Amino acid sequence: MAGKAKARLKIRIEFDGGLVLGPGKIELLEGIRETGSISAAGRRMQMSYKRAWDLIDAMNRHFEPPVVMASKGGSGGGGASLTAAGEAVVAHYRRIEAHCVQGTTPDVSGLLKRLAPTG
């Protein structure tokens, strides 16, 4: 017996200047908030430190002030945290996402009803 079809909405915002903000970057920011580490947040997403750092660097260059503050490693270890601007970026994105989901629910339901049966 086939399960009931589900759908997910993924929001991707493309800004002039080349910045793209979507679920992956937001998940990375939330991971940094939770772990205090760029490398730990990247590992949770199965992402290399270099890839995670490149994404953070791109966001820091596009947002003013920067969204993540990192401290260099050493004997005490390094770390990273979201700035107030980073917290605001996450909050804005999550509100946009919630509004989009709420506003599109009837249309997504209409699409689900028209899907061919599977399984």
N, C-alpha and C. Protein backbone atom coordinates (compact mmCIF):
# COMPACT_ATOMS: atom_id res chain seq x y z
N MET A 1 0.84 -1.19 0.00
CA MET A 1 0.00 0.00 0.00
C MET A 1 0.88 1.25 0.00
N ALA A 2 0.63 2.14 -0.89
CA ALA A 2 1.42 3.35 -1.02
C ALA A 2 1.04 4.35 0.07
N GLY A 3 2.03 5.09 0.55
CA GLY A 3 1.77 6.13 1.54
C GLY A 3 1.19 7.36 0.88
N LYS A 4 0.65 8.23 1.70
CA LYS A 4 0.08 9.47 1.21
C LYS A 4 1.21 10.39 0.73
N ALA A 5 1.04 10.96 -0.43
CA ALA A 5 2.06 11.85 -1.01
C ALA A 5 2.22 13.09 -0.15
N LYS A 6 3.46 13.56 -0.05
CA LYS A 6 3.77 14.78 0.68
C LYS A 6 4.59 15.68 -0.21
N ALA A 7 4.62 16.94 0.14
CA ALA A 7 5.42 17.91 -0.60
C ALA A 7 6.10 18.85 0.38
N ARG A 8 7.27 19.34 0.00
CA ARG A 8 8.00 20.31 0.80
C ARG A 8 8.32 21.51 -0.08
N LEU A 9 8.26 22.66 0.51
CA LEU A 9 8.59 23.89 -0.20
C LEU A 9 9.98 24.32 0.24
N LYS A 10 10.87 24.55 -0.72
CA LYS A 10 12.21 25.02 -0.42
C LYS A 10 12.36 26.41 -1.01
N ILE A 11 12.69 27.35 -0.16
CA ILE A 11 12.79 28.75 -0.57
C ILE A 11 14.25 29.08 -0.86
N ARG A 12 14.48 29.67 -2.01
CA ARG A 12 15.81 30.08 -2.45
C ARG A 12 15.68 31.53 -2.90
N ILE A 13 16.44 32.41 -2.27
CA ILE A 13 16.37 33.84 -2.58
C ILE A 13 17.66 34.23 -3.29
N GLU A 14 17.52 34.75 -4.50
CA GLU A 14 18.67 35.18 -5.29
C GLU A 14 18.73 36.69 -5.29
N PHE A 15 19.83 37.22 -4.76
CA PHE A 15 20.02 38.66 -4.65
C PHE A 15 20.91 39.16 -5.79
N ASP A 16 20.71 40.41 -6.18
CA ASP A 16 21.66 41.05 -7.08
C ASP A 16 23.03 40.98 -6.42
N GLY A 17 24.06 40.81 -7.19
CA GLY A 17 25.40 40.73 -6.64
C GLY A 17 25.88 39.30 -6.45
N GLY A 18 24.99 38.33 -6.69
CA GLY A 18 25.42 36.94 -6.68
C GLY A 18 25.11 36.13 -5.45
N LEU A 19 24.64 36.74 -4.38
CA LEU A 19 24.33 35.96 -3.18
C LEU A 19 23.04 35.18 -3.39
N VAL A 20 23.09 33.90 -3.06
CA VAL A 20 21.91 33.04 -3.06
C VAL A 20 21.75 32.54 -1.63
N LEU A 21 20.58 32.74 -1.06
CA LEU A 21 20.30 32.31 0.31
C LEU A 21 19.20 31.28 0.26
N GLY A 22 19.51 30.09 0.74
CA GLY A 22 18.53 29.01 0.72
C GLY A 22 18.66 28.13 1.94
N PRO A 23 17.99 26.99 1.92
CA PRO A 23 17.94 26.14 3.11
C PRO A 23 19.31 25.64 3.57
N GLY A 24 20.24 25.41 2.66
CA GLY A 24 21.56 24.92 3.06
C GLY A 24 22.34 25.94 3.86
N LYS A 25 22.39 27.17 3.39
CA LYS A 25 23.13 28.21 4.11
C LYS A 25 22.47 28.50 5.45
N ILE A 26 21.15 28.48 5.49
CA ILE A 26 20.46 28.71 6.76
C ILE A 26 20.74 27.57 7.73
N GLU A 27 20.73 26.34 7.24
CA GLU A 27 21.05 25.20 8.10
C GLU A 27 22.49 25.31 8.62
N LEU A 28 23.41 25.78 7.79
CA LEU A 28 24.79 25.98 8.21
C LEU A 28 24.86 27.03 9.31
N LEU A 29 24.18 28.15 9.13
CA LEU A 29 24.17 29.19 10.17
C LEU A 29 23.58 28.65 11.47
N GLU A 30 22.49 27.92 11.37
CA GLU A 30 21.88 27.35 12.58
C GLU A 30 22.82 26.34 13.24
N GLY A 31 23.57 25.59 12.44
CA GLY A 31 24.54 24.65 12.97
C GLY A 31 25.66 25.35 13.72
N ILE A 32 26.11 26.48 13.19
CA ILE A 32 27.14 27.27 13.87
C ILE A 32 26.59 27.79 15.19
N ARG A 33 25.36 28.25 15.19
CA ARG A 33 24.73 28.72 16.43
C ARG A 33 24.71 27.60 17.47
N GLU A 34 24.37 26.39 17.04
CA GLU A 34 24.21 25.28 17.97
C GLU A 34 25.53 24.67 18.42
N THR A 35 26.54 24.66 17.55
CA THR A 35 27.80 23.98 17.87
C THR A 35 28.93 24.93 18.25
N GLY A 36 28.82 26.19 17.85
CA GLY A 36 29.91 27.13 18.10
C GLY A 36 31.12 26.88 17.21
N SER A 37 30.90 26.18 16.10
CA SER A 37 32.02 25.77 15.26
C SER A 37 31.60 25.66 13.80
N ILE A 38 32.40 26.24 12.92
CA ILE A 38 32.14 26.11 11.49
C ILE A 38 32.39 24.66 11.05
N SER A 39 33.48 24.07 11.53
CA SER A 39 33.79 22.70 11.11
C SER A 39 32.74 21.71 11.63
N ALA A 40 32.28 21.87 12.87
CA ALA A 40 31.26 20.96 13.40
C ALA A 40 29.94 21.13 12.66
N ALA A 41 29.58 22.37 12.36
CA ALA A 41 28.35 22.61 11.61
C ALA A 41 28.45 21.99 10.22
N GLY A 42 29.61 22.13 9.58
CA GLY A 42 29.81 21.54 8.27
C GLY A 42 29.75 20.02 8.32
N ARG A 43 30.40 19.44 9.33
CA ARG A 43 30.38 17.97 9.46
C ARG A 43 28.96 17.45 9.61
N ARG A 44 28.12 18.15 10.38
CA ARG A 44 26.73 17.73 10.54
C ARG A 44 26.02 17.67 9.20
N MET A 45 26.46 18.48 8.27
CA MET A 45 25.84 18.54 6.95
C MET A 45 26.63 17.72 5.92
N GLN A 46 27.62 16.96 6.38
CA GLN A 46 28.50 16.18 5.51
C GLN A 46 29.18 17.08 4.48
N MET A 47 29.73 18.17 4.99
CA MET A 47 30.36 19.20 4.16
C MET A 47 31.78 19.41 4.68
N SER A 48 32.70 19.62 3.78
CA SER A 48 34.08 19.88 4.21
C SER A 48 34.16 21.24 4.90
N TYR A 49 35.20 21.40 5.72
CA TYR A 49 35.42 22.68 6.38
C TYR A 49 35.60 23.77 5.33
N LYS A 50 36.35 23.47 4.27
CA LYS A 50 36.58 24.48 3.23
C LYS A 50 35.27 24.93 2.60
N ARG A 51 34.40 23.99 2.29
CA ARG A 51 33.11 24.35 1.70
C ARG A 51 32.29 25.20 2.66
N ALA A 52 32.25 24.78 3.93
CA ALA A 52 31.50 25.55 4.94
C ALA A 52 32.09 26.95 5.07
N TRP A 53 33.42 27.03 5.14
CA TRP A 53 34.07 28.34 5.27
C TRP A 53 33.79 29.21 4.06
N ASP A 54 33.85 28.64 2.86
CA ASP A 54 33.57 29.41 1.64
C ASP A 54 32.15 29.97 1.65
N LEU A 55 31.17 29.19 2.12
CA LEU A 55 29.79 29.66 2.19
C LEU A 55 29.65 30.80 3.20
N ILE A 56 30.30 30.64 4.36
CA ILE A 56 30.26 31.69 5.39
C ILE A 56 30.96 32.94 4.89
N ASP A 57 32.10 32.77 4.24
CA ASP A 57 32.84 33.91 3.71
C ASP A 57 32.00 34.68 2.69
N ALA A 58 31.30 33.96 1.83
CA ALA A 58 30.44 34.63 0.84
C ALA A 58 29.33 35.42 1.52
N MET A 59 28.70 34.80 2.54
CA MET A 59 27.64 35.53 3.25
C MET A 59 28.21 36.73 3.98
N ASN A 60 29.37 36.58 4.61
CA ASN A 60 29.98 37.70 5.33
C ASN A 60 30.33 38.85 4.40
N ARG A 61 30.71 38.54 3.16
CA ARG A 61 31.03 39.60 2.20
C ARG A 61 29.78 40.32 1.71
N HIS A 62 28.64 39.62 1.67
CA HIS A 62 27.42 40.22 1.13
C HIS A 62 26.57 40.92 2.17
N PHE A 63 26.66 40.51 3.42
CA PHE A 63 25.85 41.14 4.46
C PHE A 63 26.71 42.09 5.28
N GLU A 64 26.09 43.17 5.70
CA GLU A 64 26.77 44.13 6.54
C GLU A 64 25.91 44.43 7.74
N PRO A 65 26.41 44.20 8.93
CA PRO A 65 27.70 43.61 9.27
C PRO A 65 27.71 42.11 8.97
N PRO A 66 28.88 41.46 9.10
CA PRO A 66 28.99 40.03 8.82
C PRO A 66 28.03 39.19 9.66
N VAL A 67 27.72 38.00 9.17
CA VAL A 67 26.75 37.12 9.85
C VAL A 67 27.41 36.14 10.82
N VAL A 68 28.70 35.88 10.63
CA VAL A 68 29.43 34.96 11.51
C VAL A 68 30.74 35.61 11.93
N MET A 69 31.05 35.46 13.22
CA MET A 69 32.32 35.92 13.75
C MET A 69 33.10 34.67 14.13
N ALA A 70 34.29 34.51 13.56
CA ALA A 70 35.12 33.34 13.84
C ALA A 70 36.38 33.78 14.57
N SER A 71 36.82 32.93 15.51
CA SER A 71 38.09 33.19 16.18
C SER A 71 39.05 32.07 15.80
N LYS A 72 40.31 32.44 15.64
CA LYS A 72 41.32 31.47 15.19
C LYS A 72 41.55 30.40 16.24
N GLY A 73 41.91 29.23 15.74
CA GLY A 73 42.23 28.12 16.62
C GLY A 73 43.56 28.35 17.32
N GLY A 74 43.99 27.38 18.02
CA GLY A 74 45.24 27.47 18.77
C GLY A 74 45.15 26.52 19.93
N SER A 75 45.91 26.78 20.98
CA SER A 75 45.91 25.87 22.12
C SER A 75 44.54 25.79 22.77
N GLY A 76 43.81 26.89 22.78
CA GLY A 76 42.46 26.90 23.37
C GLY A 76 41.38 26.54 22.36
N GLY A 77 41.77 26.36 21.11
CA GLY A 77 40.79 26.06 20.07
C GLY A 77 40.12 27.32 19.58
N GLY A 78 39.57 27.23 18.43
CA GLY A 78 38.87 28.38 17.85
C GLY A 78 37.39 28.25 18.11
N GLY A 79 36.63 28.98 17.36
CA GLY A 79 35.20 28.91 17.50
C GLY A 79 34.54 29.87 16.56
N ALA A 80 33.25 29.80 16.52
CA ALA A 80 32.48 30.70 15.66
C ALA A 80 31.12 30.92 16.30
N SER A 81 30.57 32.07 16.03
CA SER A 81 29.22 32.36 16.53
C SER A 81 28.51 33.28 15.55
N LEU A 82 27.19 33.22 15.59
CA LEU A 82 26.41 34.13 14.77
C LEU A 82 26.44 35.51 15.41
N THR A 83 26.57 36.51 14.59
CA THR A 83 26.44 37.88 15.06
C THR A 83 24.95 38.19 15.16
N ALA A 84 24.63 39.36 15.69
CA ALA A 84 23.23 39.79 15.72
C ALA A 84 22.68 39.83 14.30
N ALA A 85 23.51 40.24 13.35
CA ALA A 85 23.08 40.27 11.94
C ALA A 85 22.79 38.85 11.45
N GLY A 86 23.63 37.88 11.83
CA GLY A 86 23.40 36.49 11.44
C GLY A 86 22.11 35.95 12.02
N GLU A 87 21.85 36.27 13.27
CA GLU A 87 20.59 35.85 13.90
C GLU A 87 19.40 36.46 13.15
N ALA A 88 19.54 37.72 12.74
CA ALA A 88 18.46 38.39 12.01
C ALA A 88 18.25 37.76 10.64
N VAL A 89 19.34 37.39 9.94
CA VAL A 89 19.22 36.75 8.63
C VAL A 89 18.45 35.44 8.76
N VAL A 90 18.80 34.63 9.76
CA VAL A 90 18.10 33.36 9.98
C VAL A 90 16.63 33.62 10.29
N ALA A 91 16.36 34.56 11.16
CA ALA A 91 14.96 34.85 11.54
C ALA A 91 14.15 35.34 10.34
N HIS A 92 14.72 36.24 9.55
CA HIS A 92 14.01 36.74 8.36
C HIS A 92 13.71 35.59 7.39
N TYR A 93 14.72 34.76 7.14
CA TYR A 93 14.54 33.64 6.22
C TYR A 93 13.44 32.70 6.72
N ARG A 94 13.48 32.35 8.00
CA ARG A 94 12.48 31.41 8.55
C ARG A 94 11.07 32.02 8.50
N ARG A 95 10.96 33.33 8.69
CA ARG A 95 9.64 33.97 8.57
C ARG A 95 9.16 33.96 7.12
N ILE A 96 10.06 34.25 6.18
CA ILE A 96 9.70 34.18 4.76
C ILE A 96 9.23 32.78 4.42
N GLU A 97 9.97 31.79 4.87
CA GLU A 97 9.62 30.39 4.63
C GLU A 97 8.23 30.05 5.18
N ALA A 98 7.97 30.47 6.40
CA ALA A 98 6.66 30.19 7.03
C ALA A 98 5.53 30.87 6.27
N HIS A 99 5.74 32.12 5.86
CA HIS A 99 4.71 32.83 5.09
C HIS A 99 4.46 32.14 3.75
N CYS A 100 5.52 31.70 3.10
CA CYS A 100 5.36 31.02 1.81
C CYS A 100 4.62 29.70 1.96
N VAL A 101 4.97 28.93 2.97
CA VAL A 101 4.28 27.66 3.20
C VAL A 101 2.80 27.93 3.47
N GLN A 102 2.52 28.86 4.34
CA GLN A 102 1.13 29.18 4.68
C GLN A 102 0.36 29.67 3.45
N GLY A 103 0.99 30.53 2.68
CA GLY A 103 0.30 31.11 1.53
C GLY A 103 0.10 30.17 0.36
N THR A 104 0.91 29.12 0.29
CA THR A 104 0.81 28.22 -0.85
C THR A 104 0.14 26.89 -0.53
N THR A 105 -0.25 26.69 0.72
CA THR A 105 -0.83 25.40 1.12
C THR A 105 -1.99 24.96 0.23
N PRO A 106 -2.96 25.81 -0.09
CA PRO A 106 -4.06 25.34 -0.96
C PRO A 106 -3.58 24.89 -2.35
N ASP A 107 -2.63 25.62 -2.92
CA ASP A 107 -2.14 25.26 -4.24
C ASP A 107 -1.29 23.99 -4.21
N VAL A 108 -0.47 23.84 -3.17
CA VAL A 108 0.32 22.61 -3.04
C VAL A 108 -0.62 21.42 -2.86
N SER A 109 -1.66 21.59 -2.06
CA SER A 109 -2.65 20.52 -1.89
C SER A 109 -3.31 20.17 -3.21
N GLY A 110 -3.61 21.18 -4.02
CA GLY A 110 -4.18 20.95 -5.34
C GLY A 110 -3.25 20.15 -6.22
N LEU A 111 -1.94 20.45 -6.15
CA LEU A 111 -0.97 19.68 -6.94
C LEU A 111 -0.90 18.23 -6.44
N LEU A 112 -0.88 18.04 -5.14
CA LEU A 112 -0.80 16.70 -4.57
C LEU A 112 -1.97 15.83 -5.01
N LYS A 113 -3.15 16.43 -5.11
CA LYS A 113 -4.34 15.68 -5.52
C LYS A 113 -4.23 15.22 -6.97
N ARG A 114 -3.39 15.87 -7.74
CA ARG A 114 -3.29 15.55 -9.15
C ARG A 114 -2.11 14.63 -9.48
N LEU A 115 -1.35 14.25 -8.45
CA LEU A 115 -0.23 13.34 -8.68
C LEU A 115 -0.75 11.94 -9.03
N ALA A 116 -0.03 11.30 -9.91
CA ALA A 116 -0.36 9.91 -10.26
C ALA A 116 -0.01 9.03 -9.06
N PRO A 117 -0.79 7.98 -8.83
CA PRO A 117 -0.50 7.07 -7.73
C PRO A 117 0.87 6.41 -7.93
N THR A 118 1.54 6.14 -6.83
CA THR A 118 2.84 5.46 -6.89
C THR A 118 2.77 4.20 -6.02
N GLY A 119 3.72 3.34 -6.26
CA GLY A 119 3.89 2.15 -5.42
C GLY A 119 2.86 1.15 -5.65
